[in-house]
């Protein structure tokens, strides 16, 4: 349980480091949210409830 008290000390905000570009976790979360919203919108339009 001691780890949860210091979780931010161990958390690395960089998800991927490709050398010339760094991709952060919040960027991954934004992209995941965008693609989920687009998929859901396509589903609603295809279903015809819009």
PDB file of N, CA and C in Angstrom:
ATOM      1  N   UNK A   1       0.819  -1.202   0.000  1.00  0.00           N
ATOM      2  CA  UNK A   1       0.000   0.000   0.000  1.00  0.00           C
ATOM      3  C   UNK A   1       0.863   1.267   0.000  1.00  0.00           C
ATOM      4  N   UNK A   2       2.108   1.101   0.345  1.00  0.00           N
ATOM      5  CA  UNK A   2       3.021   2.242   0.369  1.00  0.00           C
ATOM      6  C   UNK A   2       3.223   2.829  -1.027  1.00  0.00           C
ATOM      7  N   UNK A   3       3.167   1.988  -2.065  1.00  0.00           N
ATOM      8  CA  UNK A   3       3.358   2.458  -3.432  1.00  0.00           C
ATOM      9  C   UNK A   3       2.301   3.482  -3.821  1.00  0.00           C
ATOM     10  N   UNK A   4       1.066   3.297  -3.412  1.00  0.00           N
ATOM     11  CA  UNK A   4      -0.013   4.211  -3.799  1.00  0.00           C
ATOM     12  C   UNK A   4       0.163   5.608  -3.213  1.00  0.00           C
ATOM     13  N   UNK A   5       0.891   5.714  -2.137  1.00  0.00           N
ATOM     14  CA  UNK A   5       1.161   7.030  -1.561  1.00  0.00           C
ATOM     15  C   UNK A   5       2.164   7.822  -2.389  1.00  0.00           C
ATOM     16  N   UNK A   6       2.977   7.123  -3.193  1.00  0.00           N
ATOM     17  CA  UNK A   6       4.033   7.770  -3.969  1.00  0.00           C
ATOM     18  C   UNK A   6       3.910   7.433  -5.456  1.00  0.00           C
ATOM     19  N   UNK A   7       2.707   7.226  -5.934  1.00  0.00           N
ATOM     20  CA  UNK A   7       2.519   6.776  -7.316  1.00  0.00           C
ATOM     21  C   UNK A   7       3.027   7.811  -8.319  1.00  0.00           C
ATOM     22  N   UNK A   8       2.934   9.079  -8.014  1.00  0.00           N
ATOM     23  CA  UNK A   8       3.355  10.102  -8.967  1.00  0.00           C
ATOM     24  C   UNK A   8       4.865  10.200  -9.086  1.00  0.00           C
ATOM     25  N   UNK A   9       5.594   9.689  -8.114  1.00  0.00           N
ATOM     26  CA  UNK A   9       7.054   9.673  -8.222  1.00  0.00           C
ATOM     27  C   UNK A   9       7.515   8.620  -9.218  1.00  0.00           C
ATOM     28  N   UNK A  10       6.732   7.549  -9.374  1.00  0.00           N
ATOM     29  CA  UNK A  10       7.110   6.447 -10.243  1.00  0.00           C
ATOM     30  C   UNK A  10       6.464   6.525 -11.618  1.00  0.00           C
ATOM     31  N   UNK A  11       5.497   7.397 -11.806  1.00  0.00           N
ATOM     32  CA  UNK A  11       4.769   7.491 -13.067  1.00  0.00           C
ATOM     33  C   UNK A  11       5.581   8.267 -14.095  1.00  0.00           C
ATOM     34  N   UNK A  12       5.740   7.683 -15.271  1.00  0.00           N
ATOM     35  CA  UNK A  12       6.440   8.340 -16.366  1.00  0.00           C
ATOM     36  C   UNK A  12       5.395   8.903 -17.335  1.00  0.00           C
ATOM     37  N   UNK A  13       5.330  10.217 -17.540  1.00  0.00           N
ATOM     38  CA  UNK A  13       4.306  10.782 -18.413  1.00  0.00           C
ATOM     39  C   UNK A  13       4.539  10.498 -19.895  1.00  0.00           C
ATOM     40  N   UNK A  14       5.702   9.997 -20.259  1.00  0.00           N
ATOM     41  CA  UNK A  14       6.003   9.707 -21.665  1.00  0.00           C
ATOM     42  C   UNK A  14       5.632   8.256 -21.953  1.00  0.00           C
ATOM     43  N   UNK A  15       4.706   8.075 -22.908  1.00  0.00           N
ATOM     44  CA  UNK A  15       4.285   6.730 -23.274  1.00  0.00           C
ATOM     45  C   UNK A  15       5.291   6.085 -24.212  1.00  0.00           C
ATOM     46  N   UNK A  16       5.729   6.838 -25.233  1.00  0.00           N
ATOM     47  CA  UNK A  16       6.678   6.335 -26.223  1.00  0.00           C
ATOM     48  C   UNK A  16       7.733   7.403 -26.492  1.00  0.00           C
ATOM     49  N   UNK A  17       8.953   6.984 -26.560  1.00  0.00           N
ATOM     50  CA  UNK A  17      10.042   7.887 -26.918  1.00  0.00           C
ATOM     51  C   UNK A  17      10.694   7.324 -28.170  1.00  0.00           C
ATOM     52  N   UNK A  18      10.433   7.976 -29.305  1.00  0.00           N
ATOM     53  CA  UNK A  18      10.946   7.501 -30.578  1.00  0.00           C
ATOM     54  C   UNK A  18      12.257   8.182 -30.971  1.00  0.00           C
ATOM     55  N   UNK A  19      12.853   8.860 -30.037  1.00  0.00           N
ATOM     56  CA  UNK A  19      14.120   9.549 -30.283  1.00  0.00           C
ATOM     57  C   UNK A  19      13.908  10.986 -30.697  1.00  0.00           C
ATOM     58  N   UNK A  20      13.269  11.210 -31.824  1.00  0.00           N
ATOM     59  CA  UNK A  20      13.046  12.568 -32.309  1.00  0.00           C
ATOM     60  C   UNK A  20      11.690  13.113 -31.887  1.00  0.00           C
ATOM     61  N   UNK A  21      10.830  12.266 -31.346  1.00  0.00           N
ATOM     62  CA  UNK A  21       9.503  12.706 -30.884  1.00  0.00           C
ATOM     63  C   UNK A  21       9.119  11.915 -29.644  1.00  0.00           C
ATOM     64  N   UNK A  22       8.463  12.595 -28.729  1.00  0.00           N
ATOM     65  CA  UNK A  22       7.975  11.951 -27.511  1.00  0.00           C
ATOM     66  C   UNK A  22       6.448  12.002 -27.522  1.00  0.00           C
ATOM     67  N   UNK A  23       5.821  10.892 -27.240  1.00  0.00           N
ATOM     68  CA  UNK A  23       4.366  10.804 -27.195  1.00  0.00           C
ATOM     69  C   UNK A  23       3.964  10.611 -25.736  1.00  0.00           C
ATOM     70  N   UNK A  24       3.164  11.546 -25.240  1.00  0.00           N
ATOM     71  CA  UNK A  24       2.770  11.531 -23.838  1.00  0.00           C
ATOM     72  C   UNK A  24       1.447  10.782 -23.659  1.00  0.00           C
ATOM     73  N   UNK A  25       1.201  10.334 -22.419  1.00  0.00           N
ATOM     74  CA  UNK A  25      -0.012   9.572 -22.135  1.00  0.00           C
ATOM     75  C   UNK A  25      -1.276  10.374 -22.380  1.00  0.00           C
ATOM     76  N   UNK A  26      -1.261  11.668 -22.098  1.00  0.00           N
ATOM     77  CA  UNK A  26      -2.479  12.449 -22.326  1.00  0.00           C
ATOM     78  C   UNK A  26      -2.772  12.579 -23.812  1.00  0.00           C
ATOM     79  N   UNK A  27      -1.768  12.567 -24.655  1.00  0.00           N
ATOM     80  CA  UNK A  27      -1.991  12.554 -26.099  1.00  0.00           C
ATOM     81  C   UNK A  27      -2.631  11.249 -26.553  1.00  0.00           C
ATOM     82  N   UNK A  28      -2.178  10.147 -25.977  1.00  0.00           N
ATOM     83  CA  UNK A  28      -2.779   8.848 -26.279  1.00  0.00           C
ATOM     84  C   UNK A  28      -4.240   8.837 -25.830  1.00  0.00           C
ATOM     85  N   UNK A  29      -4.521   9.424 -24.670  1.00  0.00           N
ATOM     86  CA  UNK A  29      -5.891   9.477 -24.168  1.00  0.00           C
ATOM     87  C   UNK A  29      -6.777  10.333 -25.070  1.00  0.00           C
ATOM     88  N   UNK A  30      -6.260  11.468 -25.565  1.00  0.00           N
ATOM     89  CA  UNK A  30      -7.025  12.310 -26.488  1.00  0.00           C
ATOM     90  C   UNK A  30      -7.356  11.562 -27.767  1.00  0.00           C
ATOM     91  N   UNK A  31      -6.375  10.865 -28.327  1.00  0.00           N
ATOM     92  CA  UNK A  31      -6.625  10.110 -29.557  1.00  0.00           C
ATOM     93  C   UNK A  31      -7.618   8.980 -29.340  1.00  0.00           C
ATOM     94  N   UNK A  32      -7.499   8.291 -28.225  1.00  0.00           N
ATOM     95  CA  UNK A  32      -8.442   7.219 -27.915  1.00  0.00           C
ATOM     96  C   UNK A  32      -9.862   7.767 -27.762  1.00  0.00           C
ATOM     97  N   UNK A  33     -10.003   8.912 -27.108  1.00  0.00           N
ATOM     98  CA  UNK A  33     -11.316   9.535 -26.951  1.00  0.00           C
ATOM     99  C   UNK A  33     -11.878   9.987 -28.296  1.00  0.00           C
ATOM    100  N   UNK A  34     -11.034  10.548 -29.144  1.00  0.00           N
ATOM    101  CA  UNK A  34     -11.474  10.992 -30.460  1.00  0.00           C
ATOM    102  C   UNK A  34     -11.966   9.823 -31.304  1.00  0.00           C
ATOM    103  N   UNK A  35     -11.180   8.757 -31.369  1.00  0.00           N
ATOM    104  CA  UNK A  35     -11.574   7.608 -32.179  1.00  0.00           C
ATOM    105  C   UNK A  35     -12.808   6.907 -31.615  1.00  0.00           C
ATOM    106  N   UNK A  36     -12.950   6.886 -30.298  1.00  0.00           N
ATOM    107  CA  UNK A  36     -14.148   6.311 -29.692  1.00  0.00           C
ATOM    108  C   UNK A  36     -15.380   7.138 -30.044  1.00  0.00           C
ATOM    109  N   UNK A  37     -15.266   8.460 -29.997  1.00  0.00           N
ATOM    110  CA  UNK A  37     -16.388   9.331 -30.355  1.00  0.00           C
ATOM    111  C   UNK A  37     -16.749   9.200 -31.833  1.00  0.00           C
ATOM    112  N   UNK A  38     -15.736   9.125 -32.702  1.00  0.00           N
ATOM    113  CA  UNK A  38     -16.009   8.951 -34.126  1.00  0.00           C
ATOM    114  C   UNK A  38     -16.684   7.613 -34.413  1.00  0.00           C
ATOM    115  N   UNK A  39     -16.221   6.555 -33.776  1.00  0.00           N
ATOM    116  CA  UNK A  39     -16.825   5.243 -33.948  1.00  0.00           C
ATOM    117  C   UNK A  39     -18.281   5.247 -33.466  1.00  0.00           C
ATOM    118  N   UNK A  40     -18.513   5.867 -32.309  1.00  0.00           N
ATOM    119  CA  UNK A  40     -19.858   5.922 -31.758  1.00  0.00           C
ATOM    120  C   UNK A  40     -20.779   6.756 -32.651  1.00  0.00           C
ATOM    121  N   UNK A  41     -20.270   7.851 -33.209  1.00  0.00           N
ATOM    122  CA  UNK A  41     -21.068   8.684 -34.114  1.00  0.00           C
ATOM    123  C   UNK A  41     -21.418   7.915 -35.375  1.00  0.00           C
ATOM    124  N   UNK A  42     -20.454   7.158 -35.929  1.00  0.00           N
ATOM    125  CA  UNK A  42     -20.744   6.330 -37.098  1.00  0.00           C
ATOM    126  C   UNK A  42     -21.802   5.283 -36.781  1.00  0.00           C
ATOM    127  N   UNK A  43     -21.735   4.709 -35.601  1.00  0.00           N
ATOM    128  CA  UNK A  43     -22.711   3.710 -35.174  1.00  0.00           C
ATOM    129  C   UNK A  43     -24.106   4.316 -35.077  1.00  0.00           C
ATOM    130  N   UNK A  44     -24.206   5.494 -34.488  1.00  0.00           N
ATOM    131  CA  UNK A  44     -25.507   6.164 -34.334  1.00  0.00           C
ATOM    132  C   UNK A  44     -26.076   6.541 -35.694  1.00  0.00           C
ATOM    133  N   UNK A  45     -25.235   7.048 -36.600  1.00  0.00           N
ATOM    134  CA  UNK A  45     -25.718   7.440 -37.928  1.00  0.00           C
ATOM    135  C   UNK A  45     -26.155   6.220 -38.725  1.00  0.00           C
ATOM    136  N   UNK A  46     -25.381   5.143 -38.635  1.00  0.00           N
ATOM    137  CA  UNK A  46     -25.723   3.927 -39.362  1.00  0.00           C
ATOM    138  C   UNK A  46     -27.024   3.320 -38.833  1.00  0.00           C
ATOM    139  N   UNK A  47     -27.231   3.411 -37.540  1.00  0.00           N
ATOM    140  CA  UNK A  47     -28.438   2.858 -36.916  1.00  0.00           C
ATOM    141  C   UNK A  47     -29.662   3.705 -37.281  1.00  0.00           C
ATOM    142  N   UNK A  48     -29.486   4.987 -37.534  1.00  0.00           N
ATOM    143  CA  UNK A  48     -30.569   5.851 -37.946  1.00  0.00           C
ATOM    144  C   UNK A  48     -31.289   6.568 -36.821  1.00  0.00           C
ATOM    145  N   UNK A  49     -30.646   6.682 -35.678  1.00  0.00           N
ATOM    146  CA  UNK A  49     -31.284   7.348 -34.538  1.00  0.00           C
ATOM    147  C   UNK A  49     -30.876   8.807 -34.419  1.00  0.00           C
ATOM    148  N   UNK A  50     -30.208   9.344 -35.398  1.00  0.00           N
ATOM    149  CA  UNK A  50     -29.736  10.726 -35.316  1.00  0.00           C
ATOM    150  C   UNK A  50     -30.825  11.719 -35.654  1.00  0.00           C
TER     151      UNK A  50
END
